[in-house]
């Protein structure tokens, strides 16, 4: 069949279809829209998983506690707080997505619920919340997604200042009042009598033996709370960090600077917050170049003045 005959048959089919009220789409376009819809749905599902999943929330929680831990001394109560707290997201949405790089930008309101009793170290708050933006992107080793978040500074500042004043954190399932009630909640009227145990057999009295005098134990040297900087000295790696950890005076300067920095972050507008975060790296680089403790102390003083100036000029 020649080309002219094919065209004639196609024209006849078109006329017949038009008479019946139908239209014939070009053959090469019949499947393309369905394929595009399937790809869009897959990409949308990937974005939703990146923004709203248990794995995402767990990483966001770890990021907040890890940042806070860098600016406070290590203690078991803070570890218990991290293990017992729960994170949830309100209205998580995908704001943008790059399918080629598998990068998703999300935003929402993150809520951190702390266990009962922890509010004593958080200014009476059981629920900490902040509006955040978080970015999910593939890990360099291909193990999954990693997350970076901004806007959680108010929560991080609260966690960094967490302090129970020497009272241990009561973890769930260890309530002494509940235990005492359970032990005392016995109906004596219905309780069956229990036979008394037989008296123990008499044992011969032990022979006293002379005990050689023991040397008096000396108390172990302790470091005062003032010797702890805002970061964990167990993770100190750089020369300046080790110098701060070995000096009570420098540790006090470090805590004062950290408190001022996080307090400013919690009150700063977006512009001031951006400048505070940008200048932090410059301060750390300058501190690392200091040859002695006097230089480090001056660096802390200068940084606190810089924080005050940023808040006064930009906030």
Protein backbone atom coordinates (compact mmCIF):
# COMPACT_ATOMS: atom_id res chain seq x y z
CA UNK A 1 0.00 0.00 0.00
CA UNK A 2 1.45 3.34 -1.02
CA UNK A 3 1.60 6.50 1.10
CA UNK A 4 -1.35 8.08 -0.74
CA UNK A 5 -3.58 5.10 0.12
CA UNK A 6 -2.56 5.33 3.83
CA UNK A 7 -3.44 9.02 3.92
CA UNK A 8 -6.80 8.25 2.29
CA UNK A 9 -7.61 5.58 4.90
CA UNK A 10 -6.56 7.92 7.72
CA UNK A 11 -8.79 10.62 6.34
CA UNK A 12 -11.75 8.23 6.14
CA UNK A 13 -11.19 7.18 9.79
CA UNK A 14 -11.04 10.79 10.87
CA UNK A 15 -14.28 11.64 9.03
CA UNK A 16 -16.03 8.63 10.56
CA UNK A 17 -14.82 9.51 14.05
CA UNK A 18 -15.93 13.12 13.63
CA UNK A 19 -19.40 11.97 12.53
CA UNK A 20 -19.70 9.93 15.75
CA UNK A 21 -18.47 12.83 17.96
CA UNK A 22 -15.00 11.43 18.67
CA UNK A 23 -11.53 12.78 17.96
CA UNK A 24 -8.44 10.71 17.30
CA UNK A 25 -5.31 12.00 19.12
CA UNK A 26 -1.96 11.51 17.42
CA UNK A 27 -0.62 8.04 18.16
CA UNK A 28 2.69 9.32 19.51
CA UNK A 29 0.96 11.44 22.22
CA UNK A 30 -1.51 8.93 23.67
CA UNK A 31 0.79 7.59 26.44
CA UNK A 32 2.93 10.62 27.31
CA UNK A 33 0.49 12.41 29.71
CA UNK A 34 0.03 9.25 31.81
CA UNK A 35 3.77 8.78 32.10
CA UNK A 36 4.27 12.39 33.22
CA UNK A 37 1.57 12.02 35.88
CA UNK A 38 3.24 8.87 37.26
CA UNK A 39 6.64 10.59 37.49
CA UNK A 40 5.10 13.62 39.23
CA UNK A 41 3.37 11.38 41.76
CA UNK A 42 6.60 9.53 42.54
CA UNK A 43 8.49 12.80 43.02
CA UNK A 44 5.73 14.17 45.25
CA UNK A 45 5.81 11.04 47.42
CA UNK A 46 9.59 11.28 47.76
CA UNK A 47 9.30 14.90 48.86
CA UNK A 48 6.62 14.08 51.40
CA UNK A 49 8.73 11.26 52.88
CA UNK A 50 11.70 13.61 53.14
CA UNK A 51 9.66 16.26 54.98
CA UNK A 52 7.22 14.20 57.03
CA UNK A 53 8.48 10.87 58.35
CA UNK A 54 9.62 9.37 61.63
CA UNK A 55 13.19 9.17 60.30
CA UNK A 56 13.16 12.87 59.40
CA UNK A 57 11.82 13.91 62.81
CA UNK A 58 14.40 11.76 64.61
CA UNK A 59 17.25 13.41 62.70
CA UNK A 60 15.87 16.89 63.42
CA UNK A 61 15.71 16.01 67.12
CA UNK A 62 19.29 14.69 67.10
CA UNK A 63 20.48 17.85 65.33
CA UNK A 64 18.96 20.11 68.00
CA UNK A 65 20.33 18.12 70.94
CA UNK A 66 23.78 17.76 69.32
CA UNK A 67 24.01 21.52 68.80
CA UNK A 68 22.88 22.19 72.36
CA UNK A 69 25.38 19.65 73.75
CA UNK A 70 28.27 21.55 72.16
CA UNK A 71 27.43 24.54 74.35
CA UNK A 72 26.99 22.90 77.75
CA UNK A 73 28.88 20.55 80.06
CA UNK A 74 28.09 16.86 79.72
CA UNK A 75 25.76 15.34 82.31
CA UNK A 76 23.52 12.29 82.57
CA UNK A 77 20.34 14.35 83.03
CA UNK A 78 20.81 15.95 79.60
CA UNK A 79 21.37 12.51 78.04
CA UNK A 80 18.17 11.27 79.70
CA UNK A 81 16.33 14.34 78.44
CA UNK A 82 17.47 13.63 74.88
CA UNK A 83 16.44 9.99 75.10
CA UNK A 84 12.99 10.66 76.60
CA UNK A 85 11.91 13.70 74.58
CA UNK A 86 9.61 13.35 71.58
CA UNK A 87 9.53 15.49 68.43
CA UNK A 88 6.57 16.09 66.16
CA UNK A 89 5.91 18.48 63.27
CA UNK A 90 2.88 20.68 62.73
CA UNK A 91 1.95 21.38 59.09
CA UNK A 92 5.14 20.11 57.40
CA UNK A 93 5.17 21.15 53.73
CA UNK A 94 7.51 20.79 50.76
CA UNK A 95 8.56 24.27 49.62
CA UNK A 96 10.87 23.14 46.81
CA UNK A 97 12.47 20.01 45.42
CA UNK A 98 15.35 19.21 43.06
CA UNK A 99 14.71 15.67 41.75
CA UNK A 100 18.05 15.53 39.92
CA UNK A 101 20.01 15.99 43.16
CA UNK A 102 17.31 14.49 45.45
CA UNK A 103 17.30 17.66 47.56
CA UNK A 104 14.08 18.68 49.31
CA UNK A 105 13.43 21.92 51.17
CA UNK A 106 10.73 21.77 53.83
CA UNK A 107 9.23 24.01 56.46
CA UNK A 108 6.89 23.59 59.41
CA UNK A 109 6.53 24.08 63.14
CA UNK A 110 8.63 21.68 65.19
CA UNK A 111 7.40 20.78 68.67
CA UNK A 112 9.60 19.14 71.32
CA UNK A 113 7.71 17.41 74.14
CA UNK A 114 9.93 16.77 77.19
CA UNK A 115 9.25 14.13 79.89
CA UNK A 116 7.54 15.00 83.19
CA UNK A 117 9.89 16.73 85.59
CA UNK A 118 12.14 18.13 82.87
CA UNK A 119 10.20 21.39 82.90
CA UNK A 120 12.00 22.26 86.15
CA UNK A 121 15.16 22.77 84.11
CA UNK A 122 13.43 24.54 81.22
CA UNK A 123 11.73 27.45 82.89
CA UNK A 124 8.55 25.48 83.59
CA UNK A 125 7.96 24.53 79.93
CA UNK A 126 7.01 21.00 78.91
CA UNK A 127 6.58 21.95 75.25
CA UNK A 128 9.17 23.84 73.16
CA UNK A 129 8.24 24.97 69.65
CA UNK A 130 9.74 26.93 66.75
CA UNK A 131 9.05 27.58 63.07
CA UNK A 132 11.88 25.99 61.10
CA UNK A 133 13.11 25.37 57.58
CA UNK A 134 14.94 22.09 56.97
CA UNK A 135 16.75 20.67 53.97
CA UNK A 136 17.02 16.94 53.20
CA UNK A 137 19.84 15.80 50.94
CA UNK A 138 21.66 12.51 50.30
CA UNK A 139 24.51 11.60 52.66
CA UNK A 140 27.98 11.54 51.14
CA UNK A 141 28.35 7.83 51.92
CA UNK A 142 25.00 6.94 50.36
CA UNK A 143 23.52 5.80 53.68
CA UNK A 144 20.34 7.87 53.30
CA UNK A 145 19.22 11.45 53.83
CA UNK A 146 20.86 13.97 56.11
CA UNK A 147 19.19 17.12 57.39
CA UNK A 148 20.17 20.74 57.99
CA UNK A 149 17.76 23.03 59.82
CA UNK A 150 17.48 26.72 60.59
CA UNK A 151 15.13 28.53 62.91
CA UNK A 152 15.41 26.10 65.84
CA UNK A 153 17.71 28.42 67.82
CA UNK A 154 15.07 29.23 70.51
CA UNK A 155 14.75 25.51 71.31
CA UNK A 156 18.51 24.92 71.16
CA UNK A 157 19.11 27.85 73.52
CA UNK A 158 16.67 26.39 76.04
CA UNK A 159 18.27 22.96 75.81
CA UNK A 160 21.78 24.41 76.19
CA UNK A 161 20.68 26.13 79.42
CA UNK A 162 18.90 23.03 80.79
CA UNK A 163 19.62 22.75 84.53
CA UNK A 164 17.78 20.83 87.22
CA UNK A 165 19.72 22.44 90.05
CA UNK A 166 21.23 19.18 91.27
CA UNK A 167 17.97 17.20 91.32
CA UNK A 168 18.01 14.08 89.11
CA UNK A 169 15.62 13.82 86.18
CA UNK A 170 12.77 11.40 86.90
CA UNK A 171 12.50 9.07 83.91
CA UNK A 172 9.16 7.46 83.00
CA UNK A 173 8.40 4.29 84.95
CA UNK A 174 10.43 5.32 88.01
CA UNK A 175 7.87 7.31 90.00
CA UNK A 176 8.48 6.52 93.70
CA UNK A 177 4.97 7.71 94.63
CA UNK A 178 3.43 5.21 92.23
CA UNK A 179 5.63 2.46 93.65
CA UNK A 180 4.71 3.40 97.22
CA UNK A 181 1.00 3.39 96.41
CA UNK A 182 1.28 0.01 94.73
CA UNK A 183 2.99 -1.45 97.78
CA UNK A 184 0.53 0.04 100.26
CA UNK A 185 -2.62 -0.57 98.20
CA UNK A 186 -3.58 -3.85 99.93
CA UNK A 187 -7.07 -4.72 101.15
CA UNK A 188 -6.31 -6.17 104.59
CA UNK A 189 -9.87 -7.48 105.04
CA UNK A 190 -9.58 -9.85 102.06
CA UNK A 191 -5.92 -10.68 102.46
CA UNK A 192 -5.16 -14.28 103.33
CA UNK A 193 -3.06 -14.84 106.46
CA UNK A 194 0.52 -15.68 105.74
CA UNK A 195 2.34 -18.13 107.98
CA UNK A 196 5.30 -16.65 109.79
CA UNK A 197 8.64 -18.06 108.66
CA UNK A 198 10.42 -20.37 111.10
CA UNK A 199 13.12 -18.78 113.22
CA UNK A 200 16.60 -19.13 111.73
CA UNK A 201 18.90 -21.74 113.20
CA UNK A 202 21.46 -20.38 115.64
CA UNK A 203 24.89 -20.01 114.15
CA UNK A 204 28.08 -20.01 116.17
CA UNK A 205 29.36 -16.54 116.88
CA UNK A 206 32.19 -15.56 114.52
CA UNK A 207 35.66 -15.31 115.98
CA UNK A 208 36.87 -11.73 116.00
CA UNK A 209 40.06 -11.27 114.03
CA UNK A 210 42.34 -8.26 114.31
CA UNK A 211 42.07 -5.92 111.33
CA UNK A 212 45.26 -4.18 110.25
CA UNK A 213 44.96 -0.39 110.17
CA UNK A 214 44.08 0.97 106.75
CA UNK A 215 45.52 4.19 105.37
CA UNK A 216 43.01 7.04 105.44
CA UNK A 217 41.48 7.55 102.02
CA UNK A 218 42.12 10.90 100.43
CA UNK A 219 39.22 12.54 98.61
CA UNK A 220 39.62 12.62 94.85
CA UNK A 221 40.23 16.06 93.41
CA UNK A 222 37.08 17.53 91.93
CA UNK A 223 36.56 20.28 89.42
CA UNK A 224 34.07 22.97 90.26
CA UNK A 225 31.19 23.79 87.95
CA UNK A 226 32.97 27.00 87.00
CA UNK A 227 35.73 24.99 85.29
CA UNK A 228 33.38 23.63 82.63
CA UNK A 229 33.08 25.62 79.39
CA UNK A 230 29.95 25.67 77.26
CA UNK A 231 31.19 22.77 75.11
CA UNK A 232 32.02 19.20 76.06
CA UNK A 233 35.74 18.98 76.88
CA UNK A 234 35.72 15.27 76.07
CA UNK A 235 35.33 16.35 72.44
CA UNK A 236 38.00 19.06 72.57
CA UNK A 237 40.21 18.68 69.50
CA UNK A 238 41.81 22.02 68.70
CA UNK A 239 44.58 23.77 70.61
CA UNK A 240 42.37 26.65 71.70
CA UNK A 241 39.63 24.29 72.93
CA UNK A 242 42.16 22.41 75.08
CA UNK A 243 43.42 25.72 76.48
CA UNK A 244 39.87 26.73 77.42
CA UNK A 245 39.23 23.36 79.07
CA UNK A 246 42.36 23.69 81.19
CA UNK A 247 41.54 27.16 82.54
CA UNK A 248 38.69 28.06 84.89
CA UNK A 249 38.93 31.69 83.82
CA UNK A 250 38.70 30.93 80.10
CA UNK A 251 35.90 28.44 80.70
CA UNK A 252 33.91 31.15 82.48
CA UNK A 253 34.49 33.52 79.54
CA UNK A 254 33.36 30.81 77.14
CA UNK A 255 30.12 30.20 79.05
CA UNK A 256 29.37 33.91 79.23
CA UNK A 257 29.94 34.35 75.50
CA UNK A 258 27.83 31.28 74.63
CA UNK A 259 24.95 32.45 76.82
CA UNK A 260 25.01 35.87 75.19
CA UNK A 261 25.17 34.36 71.70
CA UNK A 262 22.18 32.02 72.15
CA UNK A 263 20.20 34.68 73.97
CA UNK A 264 20.77 37.01 71.02
CA UNK A 265 19.78 34.29 68.54
CA UNK A 266 16.49 33.72 70.34
CA UNK A 267 15.62 37.44 70.06
CA UNK A 268 17.15 38.29 66.68
CA UNK A 269 15.26 39.04 63.51
CA UNK A 270 16.22 37.05 60.38
CA UNK A 271 18.83 39.58 59.25
CA UNK A 272 20.54 39.83 62.65
CA UNK A 273 20.43 36.04 63.07
CA UNK A 274 22.15 35.56 59.72
CA UNK A 275 24.96 37.96 60.67
CA UNK A 276 25.35 36.34 64.11
CA UNK A 277 25.77 32.92 62.52
CA UNK A 278 28.16 34.19 59.84
CA UNK A 279 30.44 35.96 62.32
CA UNK A 280 30.57 32.94 64.66
CA UNK A 281 32.87 31.06 62.28
CA UNK A 282 35.13 34.08 62.01
CA UNK A 283 35.39 34.31 65.80
CA UNK A 284 36.27 30.61 66.14
CA UNK A 285 38.97 30.94 63.48
CA UNK A 286 40.44 33.96 65.28
CA UNK A 287 40.39 32.16 68.65
CA UNK A 288 42.24 29.21 67.12
CA UNK A 289 45.09 31.50 66.04
CA UNK A 290 45.62 32.82 69.58
CA UNK A 291 49.07 31.95 70.98
CA UNK A 292 48.18 32.26 74.67
CA UNK A 293 45.37 32.50 77.22
CA UNK A 294 45.42 36.29 77.29
CA UNK A 295 44.67 36.43 73.59
CA UNK A 296 41.79 33.94 73.96
CA UNK A 297 40.28 35.95 76.81
CA UNK A 298 40.45 39.12 74.71
CA UNK A 299 38.82 37.23 71.82
CA UNK A 300 35.87 36.29 74.03
CA UNK A 301 35.47 39.86 75.26
CA UNK A 302 35.60 41.17 71.70
CA UNK A 303 33.04 38.60 70.53
CA UNK A 304 30.56 39.58 73.25
CA UNK A 305 30.91 43.23 72.26
CA UNK A 306 30.40 42.24 68.63
CA UNK A 307 27.19 40.36 69.52
CA UNK A 308 25.86 43.40 71.35
CA UNK A 309 26.70 45.66 68.40
CA UNK A 310 24.94 43.36 65.91
CA UNK A 311 21.80 43.28 68.01
CA UNK A 312 21.83 47.05 68.47
CA UNK A 313 22.46 47.88 64.79
CA UNK A 314 20.47 45.18 62.96
CA UNK A 315 17.72 43.94 65.25
